[in-house]
Amino acid sequence: LQVLTDSAVGSGNEMIVKLRQGDSGGGGVRVLFTDPPKYKIGYCANEMEFGNIPLGEIRVWTIAKTNNSIVLSCNGVQIVDQVFSKSTFNSCVPRWSKDLGLLQFDAKNAADKFRAKPSACSRLPWTGIATTTTFPVPVGATVTVYCQEGYVI
């Protein structure tokens, strides 16, 4: 998944991405535009400060999940690589290692546009940053994207 944000550090805006398997569990990624900016990988790590994110307000975030890890990149720079087996949380591996094809996205004021990472989901024929009649995503809206192929969303 790729998300375009224009939230300033210190704005208090946030975005939450939850990956699920139907109604059963999974995990979530939360990005907080506090000062300093923070993130949380649900069921794997406590809230942590980013070490270094690109300057400016316009950012494209890429969230990719494999069988072994969840990777968070910003403007093409990998800034988080949470390997499930290295987590001290007992819930990390069982929650994240399954096929999580259901994605729930909550903008919380932070996201302007989003799309499937190119070639990640063939059922989503978007090119560039997606714009449809459902955009901009309203504040507090939850959007669900279904992906039938692979683990990268």
N, C-alpha and C. Protein backbone atom coordinates (compact mmCIF):
# COMPACT_ATOMS: atom_id res chain seq x y z
N LEU A 1 0.85 -1.17 0.00
CA LEU A 1 0.00 0.00 0.00
C LEU A 1 0.89 1.22 0.00
N GLN A 2 0.51 2.22 -0.77
CA GLN A 2 1.20 3.50 -0.74
C GLN A 2 0.20 4.58 -0.35
N VAL A 3 0.64 5.47 0.53
CA VAL A 3 -0.22 6.53 1.05
C VAL A 3 0.51 7.85 0.89
N LEU A 4 -0.17 8.84 0.33
CA LEU A 4 0.38 10.18 0.18
C LEU A 4 -0.12 11.02 1.35
N THR A 5 0.82 11.64 2.09
CA THR A 5 0.44 12.50 3.21
C THR A 5 1.07 13.88 3.03
N ASP A 6 0.42 14.86 3.63
CA ASP A 6 1.00 16.21 3.66
C ASP A 6 0.93 16.78 5.07
N SER A 7 0.98 15.89 6.05
CA SER A 7 0.87 16.30 7.44
C SER A 7 2.22 16.79 7.97
N ALA A 8 2.18 17.92 8.65
CA ALA A 8 3.39 18.47 9.24
C ALA A 8 3.73 17.74 10.54
N VAL A 9 5.01 17.63 10.82
CA VAL A 9 5.45 17.11 12.11
C VAL A 9 4.88 18.02 13.19
N GLY A 10 4.28 17.43 14.20
CA GLY A 10 3.67 18.20 15.27
C GLY A 10 2.20 18.51 15.07
N SER A 11 1.65 18.11 13.92
CA SER A 11 0.23 18.40 13.63
C SER A 11 -0.72 17.53 14.46
N GLY A 12 -0.24 16.40 14.94
CA GLY A 12 -1.10 15.48 15.68
C GLY A 12 -1.90 14.57 14.77
N ASN A 13 -1.79 14.73 13.46
CA ASN A 13 -2.49 13.85 12.54
C ASN A 13 -1.93 12.44 12.65
N GLU A 14 -2.68 11.46 12.17
CA GLU A 14 -2.22 10.09 12.19
C GLU A 14 -2.86 9.30 11.07
N MET A 15 -2.21 8.19 10.72
CA MET A 15 -2.82 7.23 9.81
C MET A 15 -2.66 5.86 10.43
N ILE A 16 -3.67 5.03 10.21
CA ILE A 16 -3.67 3.68 10.75
C ILE A 16 -4.01 2.73 9.60
N VAL A 17 -3.19 1.70 9.45
CA VAL A 17 -3.43 0.66 8.46
C VAL A 17 -3.51 -0.65 9.21
N LYS A 18 -4.64 -1.34 9.09
CA LYS A 18 -4.83 -2.64 9.74
C LYS A 18 -4.87 -3.72 8.67
N LEU A 19 -4.13 -4.77 8.87
CA LEU A 19 -4.14 -5.92 7.97
C LEU A 19 -4.80 -7.06 8.71
N ARG A 20 -5.80 -7.68 8.05
CA ARG A 20 -6.60 -8.70 8.72
C ARG A 20 -6.81 -9.89 7.81
N GLN A 21 -7.33 -10.95 8.40
CA GLN A 21 -7.74 -12.13 7.66
C GLN A 21 -9.22 -12.33 7.97
N GLY A 22 -10.08 -11.81 7.11
CA GLY A 22 -11.51 -11.84 7.39
C GLY A 22 -11.81 -11.13 8.69
N ASP A 23 -12.57 -11.79 9.56
CA ASP A 23 -12.89 -11.19 10.86
C ASP A 23 -11.85 -11.50 11.92
N SER A 24 -10.89 -12.36 11.57
CA SER A 24 -9.88 -12.72 12.58
C SER A 24 -8.74 -11.72 12.58
N GLY A 25 -7.90 -11.85 13.58
CA GLY A 25 -6.84 -10.89 13.84
C GLY A 25 -5.83 -10.73 12.74
N GLY A 26 -4.94 -9.90 13.01
CA GLY A 26 -3.84 -9.52 12.15
C GLY A 26 -3.06 -8.49 12.94
N GLY A 27 -2.62 -7.48 12.29
CA GLY A 27 -1.89 -6.43 12.99
C GLY A 27 -2.17 -5.09 12.35
N GLY A 28 -1.52 -4.08 12.86
CA GLY A 28 -1.72 -2.74 12.33
C GLY A 28 -0.46 -1.92 12.40
N VAL A 29 -0.41 -0.92 11.53
CA VAL A 29 0.69 0.04 11.51
C VAL A 29 0.08 1.41 11.75
N ARG A 30 0.63 2.13 12.70
CA ARG A 30 0.13 3.46 13.04
C ARG A 30 1.27 4.45 12.90
N VAL A 31 1.03 5.54 12.19
CA VAL A 31 2.02 6.61 12.05
C VAL A 31 1.42 7.86 12.68
N LEU A 32 2.15 8.44 13.63
CA LEU A 32 1.70 9.63 14.35
C LEU A 32 2.57 10.81 13.97
N PHE A 33 1.95 11.88 13.54
CA PHE A 33 2.68 13.09 13.16
C PHE A 33 2.81 14.01 14.37
N THR A 34 3.44 13.47 15.39
CA THR A 34 3.74 14.23 16.60
C THR A 34 5.13 14.82 16.43
N ASP A 35 5.61 15.52 17.43
CA ASP A 35 6.97 16.05 17.38
C ASP A 35 7.74 15.50 18.57
N PRO A 36 8.59 14.50 18.34
CA PRO A 36 9.00 13.91 17.07
C PRO A 36 7.97 12.90 16.57
N PRO A 37 7.99 12.59 15.25
CA PRO A 37 7.05 11.62 14.69
C PRO A 37 7.30 10.22 15.26
N LYS A 38 6.22 9.44 15.38
CA LYS A 38 6.30 8.10 15.97
C LYS A 38 5.54 7.10 15.11
N TYR A 39 5.81 5.82 15.38
CA TYR A 39 5.07 4.74 14.73
C TYR A 39 4.87 3.61 15.72
N LYS A 40 3.92 2.74 15.39
CA LYS A 40 3.69 1.55 16.20
C LYS A 40 3.32 0.41 15.25
N ILE A 41 3.93 -0.74 15.48
CA ILE A 41 3.57 -1.97 14.77
C ILE A 41 2.79 -2.79 15.78
N GLY A 42 1.47 -2.86 15.60
CA GLY A 42 0.60 -3.54 16.55
C GLY A 42 0.97 -4.99 16.76
N TYR A 43 0.99 -5.43 18.01
CA TYR A 43 1.29 -6.79 18.43
C TYR A 43 2.75 -7.18 18.24
N CYS A 44 3.60 -6.24 17.81
CA CYS A 44 5.03 -6.55 17.62
C CYS A 44 5.95 -5.58 18.34
N ALA A 45 5.54 -4.36 18.52
CA ALA A 45 6.43 -3.36 19.11
C ALA A 45 5.60 -2.24 19.73
N ASN A 46 6.13 -1.64 20.76
CA ASN A 46 5.51 -0.47 21.37
C ASN A 46 5.71 0.74 20.46
N GLU A 47 5.03 1.82 20.78
CA GLU A 47 5.19 3.07 20.04
C GLU A 47 6.65 3.51 20.12
N MET A 48 7.22 3.87 18.96
CA MET A 48 8.63 4.27 18.89
C MET A 48 8.78 5.51 18.02
N GLU A 49 9.84 6.26 18.26
CA GLU A 49 10.16 7.41 17.42
C GLU A 49 10.84 6.92 16.15
N PHE A 50 10.54 7.58 15.03
CA PHE A 50 11.27 7.30 13.79
C PHE A 50 12.69 7.77 13.98
N GLY A 51 13.64 7.01 13.45
CA GLY A 51 15.02 7.44 13.53
C GLY A 51 15.27 8.63 12.61
N ASN A 52 14.76 8.55 11.39
CA ASN A 52 15.02 9.60 10.41
C ASN A 52 14.00 9.49 9.30
N ILE A 53 13.15 10.48 9.14
CA ILE A 53 12.21 10.48 8.01
C ILE A 53 12.55 11.67 7.12
N PRO A 54 12.23 11.57 5.84
CA PRO A 54 12.53 12.67 4.92
C PRO A 54 11.91 13.99 5.38
N LEU A 55 12.61 15.08 5.13
CA LEU A 55 12.13 16.41 5.49
C LEU A 55 10.97 16.81 4.59
N GLY A 56 10.25 17.82 5.00
CA GLY A 56 9.12 18.34 4.22
C GLY A 56 7.83 17.70 4.67
N GLU A 57 6.74 18.19 4.12
CA GLU A 57 5.43 17.69 4.51
C GLU A 57 4.88 16.66 3.54
N ILE A 58 5.24 16.72 2.27
CA ILE A 58 4.71 15.78 1.28
C ILE A 58 5.54 14.50 1.34
N ARG A 59 4.85 13.40 1.67
CA ARG A 59 5.54 12.11 1.79
C ARG A 59 4.68 11.02 1.17
N VAL A 60 5.35 10.06 0.51
CA VAL A 60 4.69 8.85 0.03
C VAL A 60 5.20 7.71 0.92
N TRP A 61 4.28 7.13 1.67
CA TRP A 61 4.59 6.02 2.58
C TRP A 61 4.27 4.72 1.86
N THR A 62 5.15 3.75 1.96
CA THR A 62 4.92 2.41 1.41
C THR A 62 4.94 1.43 2.57
N ILE A 63 3.86 0.67 2.68
CA ILE A 63 3.75 -0.36 3.71
C ILE A 63 3.67 -1.70 3.00
N ALA A 64 4.65 -2.57 3.26
CA ALA A 64 4.73 -3.87 2.59
C ALA A 64 4.88 -4.97 3.62
N LYS A 65 4.08 -6.02 3.49
CA LYS A 65 4.14 -7.16 4.40
C LYS A 65 4.58 -8.40 3.63
N THR A 66 5.51 -9.14 4.21
CA THR A 66 5.91 -10.44 3.67
C THR A 66 5.56 -11.50 4.72
N ASN A 67 5.97 -12.73 4.48
CA ASN A 67 5.76 -13.78 5.49
C ASN A 67 6.56 -13.52 6.75
N ASN A 68 7.65 -12.77 6.64
CA ASN A 68 8.59 -12.62 7.75
C ASN A 68 8.67 -11.24 8.38
N SER A 69 8.19 -10.21 7.68
CA SER A 69 8.37 -8.86 8.22
C SER A 69 7.35 -7.89 7.65
N ILE A 70 7.32 -6.73 8.28
CA ILE A 70 6.57 -5.60 7.74
C ILE A 70 7.57 -4.46 7.57
N VAL A 71 7.54 -3.85 6.39
CA VAL A 71 8.50 -2.81 6.05
C VAL A 71 7.74 -1.51 5.80
N LEU A 72 8.23 -0.44 6.39
CA LEU A 72 7.66 0.88 6.21
C LEU A 72 8.73 1.75 5.58
N SER A 73 8.40 2.31 4.40
CA SER A 73 9.33 3.20 3.70
C SER A 73 8.65 4.56 3.52
N CYS A 74 9.47 5.59 3.42
CA CYS A 74 8.97 6.94 3.21
C CYS A 74 9.78 7.57 2.08
N ASN A 75 9.09 8.00 1.04
CA ASN A 75 9.73 8.59 -0.15
C ASN A 75 10.85 7.70 -0.68
N GLY A 76 10.60 6.38 -0.67
CA GLY A 76 11.55 5.43 -1.22
C GLY A 76 12.66 5.02 -0.29
N VAL A 77 12.69 5.56 0.93
CA VAL A 77 13.74 5.23 1.91
C VAL A 77 13.13 4.31 2.97
N GLN A 78 13.70 3.11 3.12
CA GLN A 78 13.22 2.18 4.14
C GLN A 78 13.57 2.73 5.52
N ILE A 79 12.55 2.89 6.38
CA ILE A 79 12.81 3.46 7.70
C ILE A 79 12.44 2.50 8.84
N VAL A 80 11.64 1.47 8.55
CA VAL A 80 11.30 0.46 9.55
C VAL A 80 11.27 -0.89 8.85
N ASP A 81 11.90 -1.89 9.46
CA ASP A 81 11.82 -3.28 8.99
C ASP A 81 11.63 -4.14 10.22
N GLN A 82 10.37 -4.43 10.54
CA GLN A 82 10.05 -5.22 11.73
C GLN A 82 10.00 -6.69 11.33
N VAL A 83 11.05 -7.43 11.71
CA VAL A 83 11.09 -8.88 11.48
C VAL A 83 10.30 -9.52 12.60
N PHE A 84 9.27 -10.28 12.24
CA PHE A 84 8.35 -10.82 13.24
C PHE A 84 9.07 -11.68 14.28
N SER A 85 9.97 -12.54 13.84
CA SER A 85 10.65 -13.46 14.76
C SER A 85 11.59 -12.75 15.72
N LYS A 86 11.95 -11.50 15.45
CA LYS A 86 12.85 -10.75 16.34
C LYS A 86 12.09 -9.92 17.37
N SER A 87 10.77 -9.92 17.30
CA SER A 87 9.98 -9.17 18.25
C SER A 87 10.00 -9.86 19.61
N THR A 88 9.96 -9.07 20.68
CA THR A 88 9.86 -9.62 22.03
C THR A 88 8.40 -9.88 22.41
N PHE A 89 7.46 -9.52 21.55
CA PHE A 89 6.04 -9.74 21.79
C PHE A 89 5.67 -11.16 21.33
N ASN A 90 5.10 -11.97 22.21
CA ASN A 90 4.70 -13.33 21.86
C ASN A 90 3.62 -13.36 20.79
N SER A 91 2.85 -12.31 20.67
CA SER A 91 1.73 -12.27 19.72
C SER A 91 2.17 -11.89 18.31
N CYS A 92 3.39 -11.46 18.11
CA CYS A 92 3.82 -10.94 16.81
C CYS A 92 3.76 -12.00 15.71
N VAL A 93 4.45 -13.11 15.88
CA VAL A 93 4.51 -14.14 14.83
C VAL A 93 3.14 -14.71 14.52
N PRO A 94 2.34 -15.14 15.53
CA PRO A 94 1.04 -15.71 15.18
C PRO A 94 0.09 -14.73 14.49
N ARG A 95 0.17 -13.45 14.84
CA ARG A 95 -0.75 -12.47 14.24
C ARG A 95 -0.33 -12.04 12.85
N TRP A 96 0.97 -11.87 12.63
CA TRP A 96 1.44 -11.28 11.38
C TRP A 96 1.88 -12.31 10.33
N SER A 97 2.15 -13.54 10.71
CA SER A 97 2.72 -14.49 9.75
C SER A 97 1.68 -15.11 8.83
N LYS A 98 0.40 -14.89 9.06
CA LYS A 98 -0.62 -15.46 8.19
C LYS A 98 -0.89 -14.58 6.97
N ASP A 99 -1.62 -15.15 6.03
CA ASP A 99 -2.01 -14.43 4.82
C ASP A 99 -3.06 -13.39 5.21
N LEU A 100 -2.67 -12.14 5.20
CA LEU A 100 -3.56 -11.05 5.61
C LEU A 100 -3.96 -10.26 4.38
N GLY A 101 -5.01 -10.69 3.71
CA GLY A 101 -5.41 -10.09 2.45
C GLY A 101 -6.43 -8.98 2.58
N LEU A 102 -6.92 -8.71 3.78
CA LEU A 102 -7.91 -7.65 3.99
C LEU A 102 -7.21 -6.47 4.65
N LEU A 103 -7.37 -5.31 4.07
CA LEU A 103 -6.70 -4.12 4.57
C LEU A 103 -7.74 -3.10 4.96
N GLN A 104 -7.60 -2.50 6.14
CA GLN A 104 -8.47 -1.41 6.57
C GLN A 104 -7.59 -0.19 6.79
N PHE A 105 -8.04 0.91 6.25
CA PHE A 105 -7.23 2.14 6.24
C PHE A 105 -8.04 3.24 6.89
N ASP A 106 -7.43 3.93 7.84
CA ASP A 106 -8.10 5.02 8.54
C ASP A 106 -7.23 6.26 8.41
N ALA A 107 -7.72 7.26 7.70
CA ALA A 107 -6.91 8.44 7.37
C ALA A 107 -6.58 9.30 8.59
N LYS A 108 -7.52 9.53 9.49
CA LYS A 108 -7.30 10.37 10.67
C LYS A 108 -6.59 11.67 10.33
N ASN A 109 -7.01 12.35 9.30
CA ASN A 109 -6.50 13.66 8.88
C ASN A 109 -5.17 13.62 8.14
N ALA A 110 -4.47 12.49 8.10
CA ALA A 110 -3.11 12.49 7.59
C ALA A 110 -3.02 12.21 6.09
N ALA A 111 -3.86 11.35 5.56
CA ALA A 111 -3.67 10.88 4.19
C ALA A 111 -4.52 11.65 3.20
N ASP A 112 -3.90 12.01 2.07
CA ASP A 112 -4.63 12.68 1.01
C ASP A 112 -5.10 11.68 -0.04
N LYS A 113 -4.24 10.75 -0.40
CA LYS A 113 -4.55 9.75 -1.41
C LYS A 113 -3.82 8.47 -1.08
N PHE A 114 -4.31 7.36 -1.64
CA PHE A 114 -3.62 6.10 -1.45
C PHE A 114 -3.82 5.23 -2.68
N ARG A 115 -2.99 4.20 -2.81
CA ARG A 115 -3.08 3.25 -3.92
C ARG A 115 -2.41 1.96 -3.49
N ALA A 116 -2.72 0.91 -4.21
CA ALA A 116 -1.97 -0.32 -4.03
C ALA A 116 -0.59 -0.08 -4.61
N LYS A 117 0.43 -0.63 -3.98
CA LYS A 117 1.77 -0.51 -4.54
C LYS A 117 1.73 -1.12 -5.93
N PRO A 118 2.27 -0.45 -6.94
CA PRO A 118 2.18 -0.97 -8.30
C PRO A 118 2.57 -2.44 -8.39
N SER A 119 1.74 -3.21 -9.05
CA SER A 119 1.84 -4.65 -9.29
C SER A 119 1.62 -5.49 -8.03
N ALA A 120 1.24 -4.88 -6.92
CA ALA A 120 0.99 -5.66 -5.71
C ALA A 120 -0.35 -6.37 -5.77
N CYS A 121 -1.36 -5.73 -6.33
CA CYS A 121 -2.70 -6.32 -6.40
C CYS A 121 -3.23 -6.13 -7.81
N SER A 122 -3.29 -7.20 -8.56
CA SER A 122 -3.70 -7.07 -9.96
C SER A 122 -5.16 -6.66 -10.09
N ARG A 123 -5.99 -6.90 -9.07
CA ARG A 123 -7.39 -6.52 -9.14
C ARG A 123 -7.60 -5.02 -9.00
N LEU A 124 -6.57 -4.29 -8.64
CA LEU A 124 -6.69 -2.85 -8.46
C LEU A 124 -5.93 -2.16 -9.58
N PRO A 125 -6.60 -1.80 -10.67
CA PRO A 125 -5.90 -1.28 -11.85
C PRO A 125 -5.57 0.20 -11.75
N TRP A 126 -5.02 0.62 -10.63
CA TRP A 126 -4.70 2.03 -10.46
C TRP A 126 -3.32 2.31 -11.02
N THR A 127 -3.16 3.49 -11.55
CA THR A 127 -1.84 3.95 -11.96
C THR A 127 -1.61 5.29 -11.29
N GLY A 128 -0.39 5.54 -10.88
CA GLY A 128 -0.13 6.78 -10.15
C GLY A 128 -0.87 6.78 -8.83
N ILE A 129 -0.99 7.92 -8.22
CA ILE A 129 -1.77 8.03 -6.99
C ILE A 129 -3.24 7.99 -7.40
N ALA A 130 -4.00 7.12 -6.76
CA ALA A 130 -5.39 6.90 -7.14
C ALA A 130 -6.24 8.13 -6.85
N THR A 131 -7.05 8.49 -7.83
CA THR A 131 -8.05 9.52 -7.58
C THR A 131 -9.35 9.03 -8.20
N THR A 132 -10.38 8.95 -7.40
CA THR A 132 -11.70 8.54 -7.86
C THR A 132 -12.71 9.48 -7.24
N THR A 133 -13.98 9.20 -7.49
CA THR A 133 -15.02 10.05 -6.92
C THR A 133 -15.11 9.89 -5.41
N THR A 134 -14.41 8.92 -4.84
CA THR A 134 -14.44 8.74 -3.38
C THR A 134 -13.34 9.52 -2.69
N PHE A 135 -12.58 10.32 -3.44
CA PHE A 135 -11.49 11.07 -2.83
C PHE A 135 -11.84 12.55 -2.80
N PRO A 136 -11.37 13.35 -1.90
CA PRO A 136 -10.45 12.93 -0.83
C PRO A 136 -11.16 12.07 0.20
N VAL A 137 -10.38 11.27 0.91
CA VAL A 137 -10.92 10.42 1.95
C VAL A 137 -11.37 11.32 3.09
N PRO A 138 -12.64 11.23 3.48
CA PRO A 138 -13.13 12.11 4.56
C PRO A 138 -12.41 11.83 5.87
N VAL A 139 -12.30 12.83 6.71
CA VAL A 139 -11.70 12.68 8.02
C VAL A 139 -12.43 11.59 8.78
N GLY A 140 -11.66 10.65 9.35
CA GLY A 140 -12.24 9.57 10.14
C GLY A 140 -12.78 8.42 9.33
N ALA A 141 -12.68 8.48 8.00
CA ALA A 141 -13.20 7.41 7.16
C ALA A 141 -12.33 6.17 7.26
N THR A 142 -12.94 5.01 7.13
CA THR A 142 -12.23 3.75 7.05
C THR A 142 -12.46 3.18 5.67
N VAL A 143 -11.39 2.80 4.99
CA VAL A 143 -11.47 2.28 3.63
C VAL A 143 -10.93 0.86 3.65
N THR A 144 -11.60 -0.07 2.96
CA THR A 144 -11.16 -1.45 2.89
C THR A 144 -10.73 -1.78 1.48
N VAL A 145 -9.56 -2.41 1.34
CA VAL A 145 -9.02 -2.82 0.05
C VAL A 145 -8.78 -4.32 0.13
N TYR A 146 -9.30 -5.08 -0.84
CA TYR A 146 -9.08 -6.51 -0.88
C TYR A 146 -8.00 -6.84 -1.88
N CYS A 147 -7.07 -7.69 -1.47
CA CYS A 147 -5.97 -8.11 -2.34
C CYS A 147 -5.95 -9.62 -2.38
N GLN A 148 -6.05 -10.19 -3.57
CA GLN A 148 -6.11 -11.64 -3.72
C GLN A 148 -4.75 -12.28 -3.97
N GLU A 149 -3.72 -11.50 -4.26
CA GLU A 149 -2.43 -12.06 -4.62
C GLU A 149 -1.37 -11.71 -3.60
N GLY A 150 -0.65 -12.71 -3.14
CA GLY A 150 0.56 -12.50 -2.35
C GLY A 150 0.36 -11.80 -1.03
N TYR A 151 1.47 -11.45 -0.42
CA TYR A 151 1.46 -10.85 0.89
C TYR A 151 1.80 -9.38 0.86
N VAL A 152 2.24 -8.86 -0.28
CA VAL A 152 2.57 -7.44 -0.35
C VAL A 152 1.32 -6.67 -0.67
N ILE A 153 0.99 -5.73 0.19
CA ILE A 153 -0.20 -4.91 -0.02
C ILE A 153 0.21 -3.46 -0.07
